[in-house]
Amino acid sequence: MSDDGIGVHAVRYLEGRLPDDVELIEGSVYCADLLPFLENRRKVVFIDGIDAGAEPGTLFRFSPDEVRNQKRNEPVSLHDFGVYELITAAKLLDQCPEDIILLVVQVKNVEIGEELSQEVREAIPRIHRLLLDELGISDSDEISED
C-alpha cells in the first residue's frame, strides 16, 4: 500500500477528529465500490495519492470540473478505475453530489509496503485542516487532534 494508501491512513487519522455528522469511508483500490456512498450526499471529499511529478507530500485541492478543464497530463488517481471515472458513473446514474472536492497528495513511494513515506505522512494534518475548511468548521469548533 505504501504512499498509495494515503486515503486509508488519512481516514484513520480523522476518526474522532470531525463532527459526528461527517461520515468517513475507507475506499478500495477499485473506486467503483464507492458508487453507493455517493447517492444522497450534499458534499463529498475524496482523499487520494497522485503522481503529478511534484515534491512528495505536496497537497493539491481541486474539483472534478477543474480536472476536466485542464489537459489530462496528470492522473486523478493511481487506480485503474479512478475518482474521475467514479464521478462520471455517478453523474450518468443521477447519483452525483453537487459539491465534490479532491484532496490529493503527491506520493513518493508506491512500492508494496504498509508505511507512508515521511513526506506523505506529514501531509495528513494539512489534509485535516483543509477538510475542516471545506466543511466550514472554525478552529473553535474543531475536535481535538490528540
Protein backbone atom coordinates (compact mmCIF):
# COMPACT_ATOMS: atom_id res chain seq x y z
CA MET A 1 0.00 0.00 0.00
CA SER A 2 2.84 2.47 0.85
CA ASP A 3 2.10 6.09 -0.13
CA ASP A 4 -0.79 4.99 -2.31
CA GLY A 5 -2.57 4.24 0.97
CA ILE A 6 -2.71 7.91 1.97
CA GLY A 7 -6.51 7.89 1.83
CA VAL A 8 -6.79 4.97 4.25
CA HIS A 9 -4.22 6.48 6.61
CA ALA A 10 -5.95 9.88 6.47
CA VAL A 11 -9.36 8.36 7.27
CA ARG A 12 -7.88 6.56 10.27
CA TYR A 13 -6.27 9.80 11.46
CA LEU A 14 -9.51 11.74 11.00
CA GLU A 15 -11.64 9.30 13.01
CA GLY A 16 -12.85 11.11 16.12
CA ARG A 17 -11.50 14.45 14.88
CA LEU A 18 -14.54 15.50 12.85
CA PRO A 19 -18.15 16.24 13.79
CA ASP A 20 -20.46 13.26 14.21
CA ASP A 21 -22.43 14.11 11.05
CA VAL A 22 -19.33 13.60 8.88
CA GLU A 23 -19.10 10.04 7.60
CA LEU A 24 -15.65 8.67 6.87
CA ILE A 25 -15.43 5.80 4.39
CA GLU A 26 -12.29 3.89 3.51
CA GLY A 27 -12.28 3.38 -0.20
CA SER A 28 -10.86 0.49 -2.08
CA VAL A 29 -8.46 0.18 -4.96
CA TYR A 30 -11.46 -0.18 -7.25
CA CYS A 31 -13.28 3.14 -6.88
CA ALA A 32 -16.50 1.76 -8.38
CA ASP A 33 -17.11 0.16 -4.97
CA LEU A 34 -17.72 3.69 -3.65
CA LEU A 35 -20.62 4.43 -6.01
CA PRO A 36 -23.38 3.57 -3.49
CA PHE A 37 -21.86 6.00 -0.98
CA LEU A 38 -22.30 8.99 -3.32
CA GLU A 39 -26.07 8.78 -3.52
CA ASN A 40 -27.99 11.35 -1.44
CA ARG A 41 -24.85 13.21 -0.38
CA ARG A 42 -24.57 17.00 -0.46
CA LYS A 43 -20.79 17.09 -0.36
CA VAL A 44 -18.08 14.50 -0.90
CA VAL A 45 -14.36 14.93 -0.35
CA PHE A 46 -12.01 12.32 -1.78
CA ILE A 47 -8.51 11.88 -0.36
CA ASP A 48 -6.06 10.03 -2.54
CA GLY A 49 -2.49 9.78 -3.73
CA ILE A 50 -1.34 11.11 -7.07
CA ASP A 51 1.85 11.08 -9.09
CA ALA A 52 1.98 14.51 -10.68
CA GLY A 53 5.75 14.89 -10.60
CA ALA A 54 5.65 17.39 -7.72
CA GLU A 55 7.58 17.29 -4.45
CA PRO A 56 6.45 14.33 -2.30
CA GLY A 57 3.87 15.42 0.25
CA THR A 58 2.60 18.32 -1.89
CA LEU A 59 -1.13 18.70 -1.33
CA PHE A 60 -3.47 19.56 -4.19
CA ARG A 61 -7.11 20.62 -3.94
CA PHE A 62 -9.34 20.70 -6.97
CA SER A 63 -12.82 19.95 -8.23
CA PRO A 64 -13.74 17.46 -10.97
CA ASP A 65 -14.57 20.38 -13.26
CA GLU A 66 -11.07 21.78 -12.82
CA VAL A 67 -9.67 18.40 -13.85
CA ARG A 68 -11.93 18.23 -16.88
CA ASN A 69 -10.95 21.75 -17.98
CA GLN A 70 -7.23 21.03 -17.88
CA LYS A 71 -5.15 18.77 -20.05
CA ARG A 72 -5.16 15.25 -18.71
CA ASN A 73 -1.37 15.13 -18.28
CA GLU A 74 -1.72 14.23 -14.63
CA PRO A 75 -3.73 11.27 -13.42
CA VAL A 76 -6.56 11.91 -10.99
CA SER A 77 -5.82 8.66 -9.19
CA LEU A 78 -3.25 5.90 -9.11
CA HIS A 79 -6.05 3.36 -9.63
CA ASP A 80 -7.34 1.91 -12.90
CA PHE A 81 -10.95 2.94 -12.25
CA GLY A 82 -10.25 6.19 -10.51
CA VAL A 83 -12.15 9.02 -8.91
CA TYR A 84 -12.83 10.75 -12.23
CA GLU A 85 -14.45 7.61 -13.66
CA LEU A 86 -16.44 7.17 -10.43
CA ILE A 87 -17.81 10.72 -10.68
CA THR A 88 -18.69 10.21 -14.35
CA ALA A 89 -20.56 7.00 -13.50
CA ALA A 90 -22.41 8.73 -10.63
CA LYS A 91 -23.49 11.53 -12.97
CA LEU A 92 -24.78 9.03 -15.52
CA LEU A 93 -26.82 7.35 -12.75
CA ASP A 94 -28.02 10.70 -11.40
CA GLN A 95 -26.37 9.94 -8.04
CA CYS A 96 -23.67 12.58 -8.08
CA PRO A 97 -23.39 15.13 -5.28
CA GLU A 98 -23.24 18.74 -6.47
CA ASP A 99 -20.19 19.53 -4.35
CA ILE A 100 -17.18 17.26 -4.87
CA ILE A 101 -13.66 18.13 -3.82
CA LEU A 102 -10.50 16.13 -4.32
CA LEU A 103 -7.64 16.44 -1.85
CA VAL A 104 -4.68 14.57 -3.29
CA VAL A 105 -1.13 14.17 -2.09
CA GLN A 106 1.93 13.73 -4.26
CA VAL A 107 3.30 10.28 -3.46
CA LYS A 108 6.95 9.37 -3.08
CA ASN A 109 6.81 5.60 -2.87
CA VAL A 110 4.26 3.26 -4.48
CA GLU A 111 6.16 0.05 -3.89
CA ILE A 112 4.48 -2.66 -1.85
CA GLY A 113 4.55 -1.82 1.84
CA GLU A 114 2.43 -0.65 4.76
CA GLU A 115 4.20 2.54 5.79
CA LEU A 116 3.81 6.01 4.35
CA SER A 117 6.93 7.97 3.49
CA GLN A 118 7.71 10.76 5.94
CA GLU A 119 6.74 13.45 3.43
CA VAL A 120 3.33 11.93 2.75
CA ARG A 121 2.69 11.16 6.44
CA GLU A 122 3.39 14.82 7.28
CA ALA A 123 0.66 15.88 4.82
CA ILE A 124 -2.09 14.25 6.91
CA PRO A 125 -2.52 17.11 9.44
CA ARG A 126 -2.68 19.54 6.49
CA ILE A 127 -5.38 17.37 4.95
CA HIS A 128 -7.25 17.62 8.26
CA ARG A 129 -7.04 21.43 8.24
CA LEU A 130 -8.15 21.65 4.60
CA LEU A 131 -11.03 19.30 5.30
CA LEU A 132 -12.15 21.45 8.23
CA ASP A 133 -12.05 24.48 5.91
CA GLU A 134 -14.10 22.60 3.29
CA LEU A 135 -16.69 21.76 5.93
CA GLY A 136 -16.81 25.33 7.22
CA ILE A 137 -15.61 24.33 10.67
CA SER A 138 -13.72 27.00 12.58
CA ASP A 139 -10.82 26.33 14.93
CA SER A 140 -13.12 26.78 17.92
CA ASP A 141 -15.47 24.09 16.60
CA GLU A 142 -12.65 21.67 15.86
CA ILE A 143 -12.43 18.33 17.60
CA SER A 144 -9.04 17.87 19.32
CA GLU A 145 -6.05 16.44 17.42
CA ASP A 146 -4.62 14.24 20.19
